[in-house]
Amino acid sequence: MRRLVQRIARDIRAARDRDPAARSDLEVVLCYPGFHAIQLHRLAHHIHGDGERLGGRIVARLISHLNRAVTGIEIHPAACLGDGLFIDHGMGVVIGETTEVGNDVTLYQGVTLGGTSRQRGKRHPTIRDGVIVGAHAQLIGAVEIGEGARVGAGSVVVTSVPPYSTVVGVPGRTVAVRFPDTRPLQRLPDPEAETIEALQHRLLELEARLARLERDAACAH
């Protein structure tokens, strides 16, 4: 019981620390669907762990189903969630069966931690401690998101992400590394962005050249 109270307290503190709109512990407990979803999942996960005894897995799935209906967040009872998880807003979040989420992770609305295989076994992401996943990002398959990494909103991640990296785009690519010490942010080359920038410059040059040709033609007449 003491361990359960500590975990709940840590979940409340996570919401207070990461959402400036949270004004009190009571507000988090009463008004935050992400908090509600996590607590209902902990109950479902505990019952699911008992296996088939007294139909435990069916009961766990029913609690999960109720969780989705009440909060808009779908978490399979077998998924393993760490302490200090904060699901902000939360509507549309989906967390698959073999997902593993570490401590102090933040998920925003519409995030999918999904699978790509019909085979049993590990087929969903592993999210290490301190990761932040932006709104509507899709993390698909048995990928590993390293400690302290950040996934940009709307990104689609299908390969593993190194620790403290920032990943954006479709498919997701690493664009920067944030070191955990005092070293500055290291931005990595972005070939796609560089190609687009080069095309933009070329387009401007061609437009300027066309404008000169039109002026010369007008002067000739």
C-alpha atoms as a PDB file:
ATOM      1  CA  MET A   1       0.000   0.000   0.000  1.00  0.00           C
ATOM      2  CA  ARG A   2       2.811   2.408   0.829  1.00  0.00           C
ATOM      3  CA  ARG A   3       4.412   1.754  -2.564  1.00  0.00           C
ATOM      4  CA  LEU A   4       1.089   2.465  -4.294  1.00  0.00           C
ATOM      5  CA  VAL A   5       0.677   5.757  -2.455  1.00  0.00           C
ATOM      6  CA  GLN A   6       4.220   6.751  -3.417  1.00  0.00           C
ATOM      7  CA  ARG A   7       3.552   6.010  -7.073  1.00  0.00           C
ATOM      8  CA  ILE A   8       0.323   8.025  -7.063  1.00  0.00           C
ATOM      9  CA  ALA A   9       2.086  10.924  -5.351  1.00  0.00           C
ATOM     10  CA  ARG A  10       4.828  10.829  -7.987  1.00  0.00           C
ATOM     11  CA  ASP A  11       2.249  10.871 -10.797  1.00  0.00           C
ATOM     12  CA  ILE A  12       0.607  13.930  -9.234  1.00  0.00           C
ATOM     13  CA  ARG A  13       3.956  15.662  -8.851  1.00  0.00           C
ATOM     14  CA  ALA A  14       4.773  14.920 -12.499  1.00  0.00           C
ATOM     15  CA  ALA A  15       1.621  16.715 -13.628  1.00  0.00           C
ATOM     16  CA  ARG A  16       2.331  19.669 -11.334  1.00  0.00           C
ATOM     17  CA  ASP A  17       5.938  19.943 -12.524  1.00  0.00           C
ATOM     18  CA  ARG A  18       5.254  19.626 -16.262  1.00  0.00           C
ATOM     19  CA  ASP A  19       1.975  21.470 -16.713  1.00  0.00           C
ATOM     20  CA  PRO A  20       1.919  25.134 -15.613  1.00  0.00           C
ATOM     21  CA  ALA A  21      -1.873  25.025 -15.785  1.00  0.00           C
ATOM     22  CA  ALA A  22      -1.988  22.596 -12.839  1.00  0.00           C
ATOM     23  CA  ARG A  23      -2.643  24.744  -9.776  1.00  0.00           C
ATOM     24  CA  SER A  24      -3.070  22.104  -7.071  1.00  0.00           C
ATOM     25  CA  ASP A  25      -2.845  18.386  -6.329  1.00  0.00           C
ATOM     26  CA  LEU A  26      -6.623  18.262  -5.998  1.00  0.00           C
ATOM     27  CA  GLU A  27      -7.053  19.713  -9.483  1.00  0.00           C
ATOM     28  CA  VAL A  28      -4.816  16.993 -10.918  1.00  0.00           C
ATOM     29  CA  VAL A  29      -6.675  14.232  -9.072  1.00  0.00           C
ATOM     30  CA  LEU A  30     -10.111  15.474 -10.108  1.00  0.00           C
ATOM     31  CA  CYS A  31      -9.608  17.008 -13.538  1.00  0.00           C
ATOM     32  CA  TYR A  32      -6.720  15.333 -15.367  1.00  0.00           C
ATOM     33  CA  PRO A  33      -7.780  12.395 -17.595  1.00  0.00           C
ATOM     34  CA  GLY A  34      -4.145  11.384 -18.093  1.00  0.00           C
ATOM     35  CA  PHE A  35      -3.812  10.868 -14.346  1.00  0.00           C
ATOM     36  CA  HIS A  36      -7.075   8.909 -14.254  1.00  0.00           C
ATOM     37  CA  ALA A  37      -5.949   6.711 -17.148  1.00  0.00           C
ATOM     38  CA  ILE A  38      -2.665   5.839 -15.449  1.00  0.00           C
ATOM     39  CA  GLN A  39      -4.350   4.857 -12.183  1.00  0.00           C
ATOM     40  CA  LEU A  40      -6.966   2.720 -13.919  1.00  0.00           C
ATOM     41  CA  HIS A  41      -4.190   1.073 -15.896  1.00  0.00           C
ATOM     42  CA  ARG A  42      -2.267   0.234 -12.737  1.00  0.00           C
ATOM     43  CA  LEU A  43      -5.356  -1.595 -11.462  1.00  0.00           C
ATOM     44  CA  ALA A  44      -5.856  -3.393 -14.789  1.00  0.00           C
ATOM     45  CA  HIS A  45      -2.150  -4.297 -14.986  1.00  0.00           C
ATOM     46  CA  HIS A  46      -2.199  -5.777 -11.476  1.00  0.00           C
ATOM     47  CA  ILE A  47      -5.256  -7.899 -12.264  1.00  0.00           C
ATOM     48  CA  HIS A  48      -3.825  -8.915 -15.638  1.00  0.00           C
ATOM     49  CA  GLY A  49      -0.680 -10.131 -13.888  1.00  0.00           C
ATOM     50  CA  ASP A  50      -2.730 -12.712 -12.019  1.00  0.00           C
ATOM     51  CA  GLY A  51      -3.282 -14.511 -15.329  1.00  0.00           C
ATOM     52  CA  GLU A  52      -6.402 -16.531 -15.897  1.00  0.00           C
ATOM     53  CA  ARG A  53      -7.240 -16.880 -12.204  1.00  0.00           C
ATOM     54  CA  LEU A  54     -10.883 -15.893 -11.759  1.00  0.00           C
ATOM     55  CA  GLY A  55     -10.898 -14.630 -15.347  1.00  0.00           C
ATOM     56  CA  GLY A  56      -8.385 -11.965 -14.407  1.00  0.00           C
ATOM     57  CA  ARG A  57      -7.362 -11.103 -17.949  1.00  0.00           C
ATOM     58  CA  ILE A  58     -10.943 -10.555 -19.073  1.00  0.00           C
ATOM     59  CA  VAL A  59     -11.567  -8.316 -16.067  1.00  0.00           C
ATOM     60  CA  ALA A  60      -8.377  -6.420 -16.856  1.00  0.00           C
ATOM     61  CA  ARG A  61      -9.469  -5.885 -20.459  1.00  0.00           C
ATOM     62  CA  LEU A  62     -12.862  -4.664 -19.276  1.00  0.00           C
ATOM     63  CA  ILE A  63     -11.169  -2.114 -17.012  1.00  0.00           C
ATOM     64  CA  SER A  64      -9.012  -1.049 -19.966  1.00  0.00           C
ATOM     65  CA  HIS A  65     -12.141  -0.694 -22.096  1.00  0.00           C
ATOM     66  CA  LEU A  66     -13.780   1.434 -19.401  1.00  0.00           C
ATOM     67  CA  ASN A  67     -10.579   3.472 -19.176  1.00  0.00           C
ATOM     68  CA  ARG A  68     -10.758   4.277 -22.887  1.00  0.00           C
ATOM     69  CA  ALA A  69     -14.456   5.198 -22.675  1.00  0.00           C
ATOM     70  CA  VAL A  70     -13.901   7.553 -19.728  1.00  0.00           C
ATOM     71  CA  THR A  71     -10.566   9.156 -20.635  1.00  0.00           C
ATOM     72  CA  GLY A  72     -10.128   8.638 -24.386  1.00  0.00           C
ATOM     73  CA  ILE A  73      -6.815   6.903 -23.658  1.00  0.00           C
ATOM     74  CA  GLU A  74      -6.309   3.257 -24.619  1.00  0.00           C
ATOM     75  CA  ILE A  75      -3.682   1.285 -22.689  1.00  0.00           C
ATOM     76  CA  HIS A  76      -3.415  -2.492 -22.952  1.00  0.00           C
ATOM     77  CA  PRO A  77      -3.372  -4.039 -19.458  1.00  0.00           C
ATOM     78  CA  ALA A  78      -0.081  -5.847 -20.178  1.00  0.00           C
ATOM     79  CA  ALA A  79       1.809  -2.645 -21.007  1.00  0.00           C
ATOM     80  CA  CYS A  80       4.441  -1.715 -18.400  1.00  0.00           C
ATOM     81  CA  LEU A  81       4.367   1.927 -17.293  1.00  0.00           C
ATOM     82  CA  GLY A  82       7.007   3.494 -15.066  1.00  0.00           C
ATOM     83  CA  ASP A  83       6.591   6.061 -12.303  1.00  0.00           C
ATOM     84  CA  GLY A  84       6.168   9.769 -12.916  1.00  0.00           C
ATOM     85  CA  LEU A  85       4.478   9.269 -16.299  1.00  0.00           C
ATOM     86  CA  PHE A  86       2.575  12.357 -17.445  1.00  0.00           C
ATOM     87  CA  ILE A  87      -0.013  12.058 -20.233  1.00  0.00           C
ATOM     88  CA  ASP A  88      -0.944  15.629 -21.119  1.00  0.00           C
ATOM     89  CA  HIS A  89      -4.487  16.132 -22.487  1.00  0.00           C
ATOM     90  CA  GLY A  90      -4.296  12.495 -23.575  1.00  0.00           C
ATOM     91  CA  MET A  91      -7.216  12.119 -25.972  1.00  0.00           C
ATOM     92  CA  GLY A  92      -6.357   9.529 -28.608  1.00  0.00           C
ATOM     93  CA  VAL A  93      -3.254   8.117 -26.922  1.00  0.00           C
ATOM     94  CA  VAL A  94      -2.798   4.390 -27.683  1.00  0.00           C
ATOM     95  CA  ILE A  95      -0.284   2.208 -25.834  1.00  0.00           C
ATOM     96  CA  GLY A  96       0.098  -1.364 -27.099  1.00  0.00           C
ATOM     97  CA  GLU A  97       0.452  -4.650 -25.269  1.00  0.00           C
ATOM     98  CA  THR A  98       4.237  -5.086 -25.190  1.00  0.00           C
ATOM     99  CA  THR A  99       5.080  -1.417 -24.686  1.00  0.00           C
ATOM    100  CA  GLU A 100       7.546  -0.570 -21.928  1.00  0.00           C
ATOM    101  CA  VAL A 101       7.630   3.000 -20.601  1.00  0.00           C
ATOM    102  CA  GLY A 102      10.316   4.166 -18.195  1.00  0.00           C
ATOM    103  CA  ASN A 103      10.173   6.766 -15.441  1.00  0.00           C
ATOM    104  CA  ASP A 104       9.414  10.481 -15.859  1.00  0.00           C
ATOM    105  CA  VAL A 105       8.167  10.128 -19.440  1.00  0.00           C
ATOM    106  CA  THR A 106       5.814  12.695 -21.008  1.00  0.00           C
ATOM    107  CA  LEU A 107       3.285  11.805 -23.720  1.00  0.00           C
ATOM    108  CA  TYR A 108       1.062  14.361 -25.431  1.00  0.00           C
ATOM    109  CA  GLN A 109      -2.321  13.859 -27.074  1.00  0.00           C
ATOM    110  CA  GLY A 110      -2.724  11.499 -30.006  1.00  0.00           C
ATOM    111  CA  VAL A 111       0.524   9.584 -29.440  1.00  0.00           C
ATOM    112  CA  THR A 112       0.551   5.980 -30.667  1.00  0.00           C
ATOM    113  CA  LEU A 113       2.954   3.404 -29.279  1.00  0.00           C
ATOM    114  CA  GLY A 114       1.962   0.721 -31.743  1.00  0.00           C
ATOM    115  CA  GLY A 115       3.053  -2.546 -33.305  1.00  0.00           C
ATOM    116  CA  THR A 116       3.713  -3.699 -36.857  1.00  0.00           C
ATOM    117  CA  SER A 117       3.500  -7.466 -36.504  1.00  0.00           C
ATOM    118  CA  ARG A 118       0.782 -10.009 -35.843  1.00  0.00           C
ATOM    119  CA  GLN A 119       3.323 -12.301 -34.200  1.00  0.00           C
ATOM    120  CA  ARG A 120       3.255 -12.691 -30.439  1.00  0.00           C
ATOM    121  CA  GLY A 121       6.258 -11.361 -28.567  1.00  0.00           C
ATOM    122  CA  LYS A 122       7.866  -7.961 -28.343  1.00  0.00           C
ATOM    123  CA  ARG A 123       6.347  -5.784 -31.065  1.00  0.00           C
ATOM    124  CA  HIS A 124       5.812  -2.377 -29.428  1.00  0.00           C
ATOM    125  CA  PRO A 125       8.235   0.416 -28.443  1.00  0.00           C
ATOM    126  CA  THR A 126      10.437   0.656 -25.390  1.00  0.00           C
ATOM    127  CA  ILE A 127      10.567   4.204 -24.014  1.00  0.00           C
ATOM    128  CA  ARG A 128      13.472   4.949 -21.672  1.00  0.00           C
ATOM    129  CA  ASP A 129      13.485   7.409 -18.758  1.00  0.00           C
ATOM    130  CA  GLY A 130      12.850  11.091 -19.331  1.00  0.00           C
ATOM    131  CA  VAL A 131      11.606  10.852 -22.922  1.00  0.00           C
ATOM    132  CA  ILE A 132       9.169  13.467 -24.287  1.00  0.00           C
ATOM    133  CA  VAL A 133       6.879  12.451 -27.164  1.00  0.00           C
ATOM    134  CA  GLY A 134       5.078  15.283 -28.974  1.00  0.00           C
ATOM    135  CA  ALA A 135       1.422  15.372 -30.004  1.00  0.00           C
ATOM    136  CA  HIS A 136       0.273  12.844 -32.624  1.00  0.00           C
ATOM    137  CA  ALA A 137       3.704  11.234 -32.956  1.00  0.00           C
ATOM    138  CA  GLN A 138       3.600   7.601 -34.058  1.00  0.00           C
ATOM    139  CA  LEU A 139       6.210   5.204 -32.649  1.00  0.00           C
ATOM    140  CA  ILE A 140       5.806   1.902 -34.433  1.00  0.00           C
ATOM    141  CA  GLY A 141       7.377  -1.484 -33.808  1.00  0.00           C
ATOM    142  CA  ALA A 142       9.890  -2.805 -31.281  1.00  0.00           C
ATOM    143  CA  VAL A 143      12.005   0.344 -31.427  1.00  0.00           C
ATOM    144  CA  GLU A 144      13.880   1.778 -28.449  1.00  0.00           C
ATOM    145  CA  ILE A 145      13.711   5.473 -27.635  1.00  0.00           C
ATOM    146  CA  GLY A 146      16.834   6.283 -25.651  1.00  0.00           C
ATOM    147  CA  GLU A 147      16.932   8.072 -22.329  1.00  0.00           C
ATOM    148  CA  GLY A 148      16.151  11.786 -22.487  1.00  0.00           C
ATOM    149  CA  ALA A 149      15.228  11.747 -26.179  1.00  0.00           C
ATOM    150  CA  ARG A 150      12.573  14.029 -27.664  1.00  0.00           C
ATOM    151  CA  VAL A 151      10.212  13.089 -30.479  1.00  0.00           C
ATOM    152  CA  GLY A 152       8.669  16.002 -32.364  1.00  0.00           C
ATOM    153  CA  ALA A 153       4.933  16.394 -32.891  1.00  0.00           C
ATOM    154  CA  GLY A 154       3.590  14.447 -35.854  1.00  0.00           C
ATOM    155  CA  SER A 155       6.760  12.402 -36.321  1.00  0.00           C
ATOM    156  CA  VAL A 156       6.652   8.768 -37.424  1.00  0.00           C
ATOM    157  CA  VAL A 157       9.434   6.774 -35.764  1.00  0.00           C
ATOM    158  CA  VAL A 158      10.187   3.283 -37.101  1.00  0.00           C
ATOM    159  CA  THR A 159      13.843   2.962 -36.036  1.00  0.00           C
ATOM    160  CA  SER A 160      15.502   3.223 -32.627  1.00  0.00           C
ATOM    161  CA  VAL A 161      16.510   6.663 -31.330  1.00  0.00           C
ATOM    162  CA  PRO A 162      19.804   7.334 -29.483  1.00  0.00           C
ATOM    163  CA  PRO A 163      19.711   8.852 -25.978  1.00  0.00           C
ATOM    164  CA  TYR A 164      19.255  12.631 -25.701  1.00  0.00           C
ATOM    165  CA  SER A 165      18.479  12.967 -29.408  1.00  0.00           C
ATOM    166  CA  THR A 166      15.756  15.108 -30.961  1.00  0.00           C
ATOM    167  CA  VAL A 167      13.832  13.341 -33.727  1.00  0.00           C
ATOM    168  CA  VAL A 168      11.429  14.976 -36.198  1.00  0.00           C
ATOM    169  CA  GLY A 169       9.767  14.201 -39.508  1.00  0.00           C
ATOM    170  CA  VAL A 170       8.238  11.376 -41.502  1.00  0.00           C
ATOM    171  CA  PRO A 171      10.042   9.087 -41.214  1.00  0.00           C
ATOM    172  CA  GLY A 172      11.682  10.374 -38.047  1.00  0.00           C
ATOM    173  CA  ARG A 173      15.302  11.496 -38.300  1.00  0.00           C
ATOM    174  CA  THR A 174      17.702  12.789 -35.689  1.00  0.00           C
ATOM    175  CA  VAL A 175      18.329  16.531 -36.064  1.00  0.00           C
ATOM    176  CA  ALA A 176      20.023  17.390 -32.766  1.00  0.00           C
ATOM    177  CA  VAL A 177      21.573  15.922 -29.632  1.00  0.00           C
ATOM    178  CA  ARG A 178      21.064  17.408 -26.157  1.00  0.00           C
ATOM    179  CA  PHE A 179      23.789  16.309 -23.798  1.00  0.00           C
ATOM    180  CA  PRO A 180      22.810  15.710 -20.146  1.00  0.00           C
ATOM    181  CA  ASP A 181      25.742  17.816 -18.907  1.00  0.00           C
ATOM    182  CA  THR A 182      26.559  21.467 -19.618  1.00  0.00           C
ATOM    183  CA  ARG A 183      27.686  20.945 -23.228  1.00  0.00           C
ATOM    184  CA  PRO A 184      25.649  22.977 -25.761  1.00  0.00           C
ATOM    185  CA  LEU A 185      23.030  21.525 -28.073  1.00  0.00           C
ATOM    186  CA  GLN A 186      24.626  19.837 -31.072  1.00  0.00           C
ATOM    187  CA  ARG A 187      22.674  20.226 -34.285  1.00  0.00           C
ATOM    188  CA  LEU A 188      23.249  17.522 -36.885  1.00  0.00           C
ATOM    189  CA  PRO A 189      23.262  17.879 -40.675  1.00  0.00           C
ATOM    190  CA  ASP A 190      19.792  17.627 -42.200  1.00  0.00           C
ATOM    191  CA  PRO A 191      20.174  16.559 -45.855  1.00  0.00           C
ATOM    192  CA  GLU A 192      16.470  16.982 -46.640  1.00  0.00           C
ATOM    193  CA  ALA A 193      16.348  20.509 -45.229  1.00  0.00           C
ATOM    194  CA  GLU A 194      19.557  21.405 -47.052  1.00  0.00           C
ATOM    195  CA  THR A 195      18.132  20.082 -50.343  1.00  0.00           C
ATOM    196  CA  ILE A 196      14.919  22.085 -49.901  1.00  0.00           C
ATOM    197  CA  GLU A 197      16.894  25.209 -49.078  1.00  0.00           C
ATOM    198  CA  ALA A 198      19.051  24.745 -52.188  1.00  0.00           C
ATOM    199  CA  LEU A 199      15.931  24.344 -54.340  1.00  0.00           C
ATOM    200  CA  GLN A 200      14.448  27.503 -52.849  1.00  0.00           C
ATOM    201  CA  HIS A 201      17.601  29.463 -53.680  1.00  0.00           C
ATOM    202  CA  ARG A 202      17.607  28.074 -57.220  1.00  0.00           C
ATOM    203  CA  LEU A 203      13.953  29.011 -57.663  1.00  0.00           C
ATOM    204  CA  LEU A 204      14.666  32.582 -56.562  1.00  0.00           C
ATOM    205  CA  GLU A 205      17.564  32.791 -59.009  1.00  0.00           C
ATOM    206  CA  LEU A 206      15.391  31.543 -61.877  1.00  0.00           C
ATOM    207  CA  GLU A 207      12.597  33.977 -61.008  1.00  0.00           C
ATOM    208  CA  ALA A 208      15.079  36.872 -60.954  1.00  0.00           C
ATOM    209  CA  ARG A 209      16.523  35.748 -64.308  1.00  0.00           C
ATOM    210  CA  LEU A 210      13.065  35.499 -65.836  1.00  0.00           C
ATOM    211  CA  ALA A 211      12.196  38.965 -64.588  1.00  0.00           C
ATOM    212  CA  ARG A 212      15.354  40.379 -66.237  1.00  0.00           C
ATOM    213  CA  LEU A 213      14.533  38.672 -69.539  1.00  0.00           C
ATOM    214  CA  GLU A 214      11.000  40.094 -69.459  1.00  0.00           C
ATOM    215  CA  ARG A 215      12.371  43.596 -68.780  1.00  0.00           C
ATOM    216  CA  ASP A 216      14.894  43.269 -71.623  1.00  0.00           C
ATOM    217  CA  ALA A 217      12.166  42.082 -74.000  1.00  0.00           C
ATOM    218  CA  ALA A 218       9.946  45.023 -73.036  1.00  0.00           C
ATOM    219  CA  CYS A 219      12.811  47.506 -73.597  1.00  0.00           C
ATOM    220  CA  ALA A 220      13.556  45.992 -77.010  1.00  0.00           C
ATOM    221  CA  HIS A 221      10.034  46.812 -78.143  1.00  0.00           C
END
